[in-house]
Amino acid sequence: MKSKAGFHFDESPLTHPINIPNKGHKIASNLPEDCILEVAANFMDDDIKIYGVGNVPNDIKELLEVHANNTKLFVDAAISGDPEKLLKALLADPMCKFIDDRDAIEDLMWNMLHYESKWLPQFKESIPTLDDLKKLKHYVDEKDLKPKKRAMKVKWKRK
């Protein structure tokens, strides 16, 4: 079956995760409307059916709200190109909490900004040169980012 948009669907629904604003869809009724949620959706017969979850249990809601609020910090940093805002977002990010060294998180940020600079023109004025990067305590060489096995190993010991 071919949809109006030119995609081909078979007769059975295709379930796929999508990212969609909570606003208007009320996917999670007790989460902020301005957060983006990743949810399952069915694609079939030129239609998308989004599955709501209703009220999220409080302990899970608290975790999701931390991510939703922190995402706003990342978006603000990305729009402004301000590395201080980006560092603030990284330091608040639950995914960085296992790194108990603030300098390691900041060095991680500078490495990322340098190696992803072509995708981050708004940070152009702040991106360190390779020589500056090599002076960091937690410098990551580009060759270590290429092969997946090397990129996945821990670059420095945790305390």
C-alpha atoms as a PDB file:
ATOM      1  CA  MET A   1       0.000   0.000   0.000  1.00  0.00           C
ATOM      2  CA  LYS A   2       1.345   3.451  -0.884  1.00  0.00           C
ATOM      3  CA  SER A   3       0.503   6.413   1.360  1.00  0.00           C
ATOM      4  CA  LYS A   4      -0.249   9.933   0.193  1.00  0.00           C
ATOM      5  CA  ALA A   5       3.274  10.878   1.273  1.00  0.00           C
ATOM      6  CA  GLY A   6       4.729   8.196  -0.991  1.00  0.00           C
ATOM      7  CA  PHE A   7       5.694   5.732   1.740  1.00  0.00           C
ATOM      8  CA  HIS A   8       4.842   2.079   1.334  1.00  0.00           C
ATOM      9  CA  PHE A   9       3.014   0.340   4.165  1.00  0.00           C
ATOM     10  CA  ASP A  10       1.889  -3.243   4.276  1.00  0.00           C
ATOM     11  CA  GLU A  11      -1.426  -4.302   5.747  1.00  0.00           C
ATOM     12  CA  SER A  12      -0.051  -4.774   9.276  1.00  0.00           C
ATOM     13  CA  PRO A  13       0.944  -1.801  11.407  1.00  0.00           C
ATOM     14  CA  LEU A  14       4.597  -0.867  11.756  1.00  0.00           C
ATOM     15  CA  THR A  15       5.402   0.061  15.357  1.00  0.00           C
ATOM     16  CA  HIS A  16       8.245   2.510  15.715  1.00  0.00           C
ATOM     17  CA  PRO A  17       9.469   4.887  18.451  1.00  0.00           C
ATOM     18  CA  ILE A  18       8.923   8.577  17.688  1.00  0.00           C
ATOM     19  CA  ASN A  19       9.782  11.824  19.479  1.00  0.00           C
ATOM     20  CA  ILE A  20       6.800  14.098  19.830  1.00  0.00           C
ATOM     21  CA  PRO A  21       5.735  17.059  21.976  1.00  0.00           C
ATOM     22  CA  ASN A  22       3.469  16.187  24.875  1.00  0.00           C
ATOM     23  CA  LYS A  23       1.491  19.368  24.127  1.00  0.00           C
ATOM     24  CA  GLY A  24      -1.739  18.764  22.311  1.00  0.00           C
ATOM     25  CA  HIS A  25      -1.293  15.018  22.452  1.00  0.00           C
ATOM     26  CA  LYS A  26      -1.264  14.677  26.255  1.00  0.00           C
ATOM     27  CA  ILE A  27       0.700  11.471  25.937  1.00  0.00           C
ATOM     28  CA  ALA A  28       1.722  11.641  29.581  1.00  0.00           C
ATOM     29  CA  SER A  29      -0.982  13.588  31.356  1.00  0.00           C
ATOM     30  CA  ASN A  30       1.084  14.507  34.421  1.00  0.00           C
ATOM     31  CA  LEU A  31       4.232  15.677  32.577  1.00  0.00           C
ATOM     32  CA  PRO A  32       4.824  19.219  31.307  1.00  0.00           C
ATOM     33  CA  GLU A  33       3.223  20.005  27.971  1.00  0.00           C
ATOM     34  CA  ASP A  34       6.430  21.477  26.595  1.00  0.00           C
ATOM     35  CA  CYS A  35       8.520  18.320  27.032  1.00  0.00           C
ATOM     36  CA  ILE A  36       9.341  15.997  24.154  1.00  0.00           C
ATOM     37  CA  LEU A  37       8.588  12.337  24.741  1.00  0.00           C
ATOM     38  CA  GLU A  38       9.772   9.222  22.961  1.00  0.00           C
ATOM     39  CA  VAL A  39       6.794   6.918  22.583  1.00  0.00           C
ATOM     40  CA  ALA A  40       5.640   4.005  20.461  1.00  0.00           C
ATOM     41  CA  ALA A  41       3.476   4.760  17.467  1.00  0.00           C
ATOM     42  CA  ASN A  42       1.842   2.596  14.821  1.00  0.00           C
ATOM     43  CA  PHE A  43       2.144   3.549  11.167  1.00  0.00           C
ATOM     44  CA  MET A  44      -0.605   2.060   8.993  1.00  0.00           C
ATOM     45  CA  ASP A  45      -3.008   3.054   6.255  1.00  0.00           C
ATOM     46  CA  ASP A  46      -1.555   6.544   5.836  1.00  0.00           C
ATOM     47  CA  ASP A  47      -2.050   7.248   9.533  1.00  0.00           C
ATOM     48  CA  ILE A  48       0.017   7.431  12.694  1.00  0.00           C
ATOM     49  CA  LYS A  49      -1.512   6.234  15.950  1.00  0.00           C
ATOM     50  CA  ILE A  50       0.274   7.528  19.052  1.00  0.00           C
ATOM     51  CA  TYR A  51      -0.094   5.627  22.282  1.00  0.00           C
ATOM     52  CA  GLY A  52      -0.603   7.664  25.426  1.00  0.00           C
ATOM     53  CA  VAL A  53       0.576   6.474  28.796  1.00  0.00           C
ATOM     54  CA  GLY A  54      -1.772   8.417  31.079  1.00  0.00           C
ATOM     55  CA  ASN A  55      -0.325   9.340  34.456  1.00  0.00           C
ATOM     56  CA  VAL A  56       3.306   8.344  34.850  1.00  0.00           C
ATOM     57  CA  PRO A  57       4.079   6.879  38.317  1.00  0.00           C
ATOM     58  CA  ASN A  58       5.554   9.559  40.609  1.00  0.00           C
ATOM     59  CA  ASP A  59       9.024   8.016  40.982  1.00  0.00           C
ATOM     60  CA  ILE A  60       9.396   7.780  37.195  1.00  0.00           C
ATOM     61  CA  LYS A  61       7.816  11.207  36.724  1.00  0.00           C
ATOM     62  CA  GLU A  62      10.472  12.784  38.948  1.00  0.00           C
ATOM     63  CA  LEU A  63      13.253  11.258  36.839  1.00  0.00           C
ATOM     64  CA  LEU A  64      11.639  12.334  33.574  1.00  0.00           C
ATOM     65  CA  GLU A  65      11.096  15.896  34.810  1.00  0.00           C
ATOM     66  CA  VAL A  66      14.808  16.218  35.600  1.00  0.00           C
ATOM     67  CA  HIS A  67      15.621  15.277  31.996  1.00  0.00           C
ATOM     68  CA  ALA A  68      12.868  17.488  30.570  1.00  0.00           C
ATOM     69  CA  ASN A  69      14.029  20.524  32.553  1.00  0.00           C
ATOM     70  CA  ASN A  70      17.670  19.894  31.714  1.00  0.00           C
ATOM     71  CA  THR A  71      16.831  19.615  28.027  1.00  0.00           C
ATOM     72  CA  LYS A  72      15.707  23.238  28.194  1.00  0.00           C
ATOM     73  CA  LEU A  73      19.220  24.144  29.405  1.00  0.00           C
ATOM     74  CA  PHE A  74      20.789  22.238  26.494  1.00  0.00           C
ATOM     75  CA  VAL A  75      18.487  23.928  23.985  1.00  0.00           C
ATOM     76  CA  ASP A  76      19.287  27.370  25.410  1.00  0.00           C
ATOM     77  CA  ALA A  77      23.015  26.590  25.222  1.00  0.00           C
ATOM     78  CA  ALA A  78      22.681  25.324  21.653  1.00  0.00           C
ATOM     79  CA  ILE A  79      20.748  28.372  20.482  1.00  0.00           C
ATOM     80  CA  SER A  80      23.049  30.859  22.198  1.00  0.00           C
ATOM     81  CA  GLY A  81      26.334  29.090  21.455  1.00  0.00           C
ATOM     82  CA  ASP A  82      27.365  29.797  25.042  1.00  0.00           C
ATOM     83  CA  PRO A  83      29.811  27.174  26.393  1.00  0.00           C
ATOM     84  CA  GLU A  84      29.121  28.248  30.006  1.00  0.00           C
ATOM     85  CA  LYS A  85      25.445  27.382  29.528  1.00  0.00           C
ATOM     86  CA  LEU A  86      26.443  24.101  27.912  1.00  0.00           C
ATOM     87  CA  LEU A  87      28.716  23.246  30.835  1.00  0.00           C
ATOM     88  CA  LYS A  88      25.926  24.109  33.288  1.00  0.00           C
ATOM     89  CA  ALA A  89      23.599  21.736  31.412  1.00  0.00           C
ATOM     90  CA  LEU A  90      26.199  18.968  31.372  1.00  0.00           C
ATOM     91  CA  LEU A  91      26.896  19.352  35.089  1.00  0.00           C
ATOM     92  CA  ALA A  92      23.166  19.080  35.808  1.00  0.00           C
ATOM     93  CA  ASP A  93      22.591  16.180  33.436  1.00  0.00           C
ATOM     94  CA  PRO A  94      21.751  12.898  35.177  1.00  0.00           C
ATOM     95  CA  MET A  95      23.783  11.037  32.547  1.00  0.00           C
ATOM     96  CA  CYS A  96      26.947  12.840  33.747  1.00  0.00           C
ATOM     97  CA  LYS A  97      26.329  12.236  37.456  1.00  0.00           C
ATOM     98  CA  PHE A  98      28.522   9.123  37.451  1.00  0.00           C
ATOM     99  CA  ILE A  99      31.523  11.335  36.601  1.00  0.00           C
ATOM    100  CA  ASP A 100      32.499  12.874  39.923  1.00  0.00           C
ATOM    101  CA  ASP A 101      35.181  15.105  38.402  1.00  0.00           C
ATOM    102  CA  ARG A 102      33.909  18.487  37.200  1.00  0.00           C
ATOM    103  CA  ASP A 103      37.092  19.012  35.164  1.00  0.00           C
ATOM    104  CA  ALA A 104      36.502  15.720  33.342  1.00  0.00           C
ATOM    105  CA  ILE A 105      33.003  16.852  32.341  1.00  0.00           C
ATOM    106  CA  GLU A 106      34.334  20.206  31.153  1.00  0.00           C
ATOM    107  CA  ASP A 107      37.120  18.510  29.190  1.00  0.00           C
ATOM    108  CA  LEU A 108      34.535  16.144  27.702  1.00  0.00           C
ATOM    109  CA  MET A 109      32.613  19.225  26.544  1.00  0.00           C
ATOM    110  CA  TRP A 110      35.683  20.814  24.917  1.00  0.00           C
ATOM    111  CA  ASN A 111      36.569  17.549  23.169  1.00  0.00           C
ATOM    112  CA  MET A 112      33.019  17.240  21.875  1.00  0.00           C
ATOM    113  CA  LEU A 113      32.887  20.860  20.699  1.00  0.00           C
ATOM    114  CA  HIS A 114      36.191  20.493  18.881  1.00  0.00           C
ATOM    115  CA  TYR A 115      35.402  17.196  17.135  1.00  0.00           C
ATOM    116  CA  GLU A 116      31.817  18.135  16.276  1.00  0.00           C
ATOM    117  CA  SER A 117      32.613  21.750  15.320  1.00  0.00           C
ATOM    118  CA  LYS A 118      31.246  21.476  11.785  1.00  0.00           C
ATOM    119  CA  TRP A 119      27.807  20.740  13.279  1.00  0.00           C
ATOM    120  CA  LEU A 120      28.053  23.488  15.914  1.00  0.00           C
ATOM    121  CA  PRO A 121      28.770  26.772  14.115  1.00  0.00           C
ATOM    122  CA  GLN A 122      27.097  28.763  16.894  1.00  0.00           C
ATOM    123  CA  PHE A 123      30.030  27.810  19.172  1.00  0.00           C
ATOM    124  CA  LYS A 124      32.660  28.799  16.569  1.00  0.00           C
ATOM    125  CA  GLU A 125      34.200  31.542  18.705  1.00  0.00           C
ATOM    126  CA  SER A 126      34.668  29.200  21.680  1.00  0.00           C
ATOM    127  CA  ILE A 127      35.905  26.001  20.078  1.00  0.00           C
ATOM    128  CA  PRO A 128      39.464  25.161  21.154  1.00  0.00           C
ATOM    129  CA  THR A 129      42.216  24.500  18.651  1.00  0.00           C
ATOM    130  CA  LEU A 130      43.761  21.053  18.522  1.00  0.00           C
ATOM    131  CA  ASP A 131      46.841  22.409  20.321  1.00  0.00           C
ATOM    132  CA  ASP A 132      44.638  23.758  23.135  1.00  0.00           C
ATOM    133  CA  LEU A 133      42.756  20.479  23.273  1.00  0.00           C
ATOM    134  CA  LYS A 134      45.997  18.521  23.688  1.00  0.00           C
ATOM    135  CA  LYS A 135      46.745  20.535  26.849  1.00  0.00           C
ATOM    136  CA  LEU A 136      43.618  19.228  28.589  1.00  0.00           C
ATOM    137  CA  LYS A 137      44.028  16.650  31.325  1.00  0.00           C
ATOM    138  CA  HIS A 138      41.313  14.546  29.663  1.00  0.00           C
ATOM    139  CA  TYR A 139      42.284  14.931  26.018  1.00  0.00           C
ATOM    140  CA  VAL A 140      40.801  12.376  23.621  1.00  0.00           C
ATOM    141  CA  ASP A 141      42.734  11.821  20.400  1.00  0.00           C
ATOM    142  CA  GLU A 142      40.623  11.665  17.245  1.00  0.00           C
ATOM    143  CA  LYS A 143      42.061   8.243  16.359  1.00  0.00           C
ATOM    144  CA  ASP A 144      40.441   6.893  19.524  1.00  0.00           C
ATOM    145  CA  LEU A 145      37.030   8.022  18.313  1.00  0.00           C
ATOM    146  CA  LYS A 146      37.090   6.198  14.985  1.00  0.00           C
ATOM    147  CA  PRO A 147      36.922   2.471  15.732  1.00  0.00           C
ATOM    148  CA  LYS A 148      33.897   1.717  17.857  1.00  0.00           C
ATOM    149  CA  LYS A 149      35.831  -0.615  20.188  1.00  0.00           C
ATOM    150  CA  ARG A 150      38.322   2.119  21.061  1.00  0.00           C
ATOM    151  CA  ALA A 151      35.684   4.822  21.396  1.00  0.00           C
ATOM    152  CA  MET A 152      33.690   2.786  23.890  1.00  0.00           C
ATOM    153  CA  LYS A 153      36.529   2.162  26.353  1.00  0.00           C
ATOM    154  CA  VAL A 154      36.919   4.411  29.359  1.00  0.00           C
ATOM    155  CA  LYS A 155      39.446   7.123  28.615  1.00  0.00           C
ATOM    156  CA  TRP A 156      40.379   7.873  32.220  1.00  0.00           C
ATOM    157  CA  LYS A 157      39.980   6.096  35.488  1.00  0.00           C
ATOM    158  CA  ARG A 158      37.127   6.959  37.800  1.00  0.00           C
ATOM    159  CA  LYS A 159      37.835   7.501  41.471  1.00  0.00           C
END
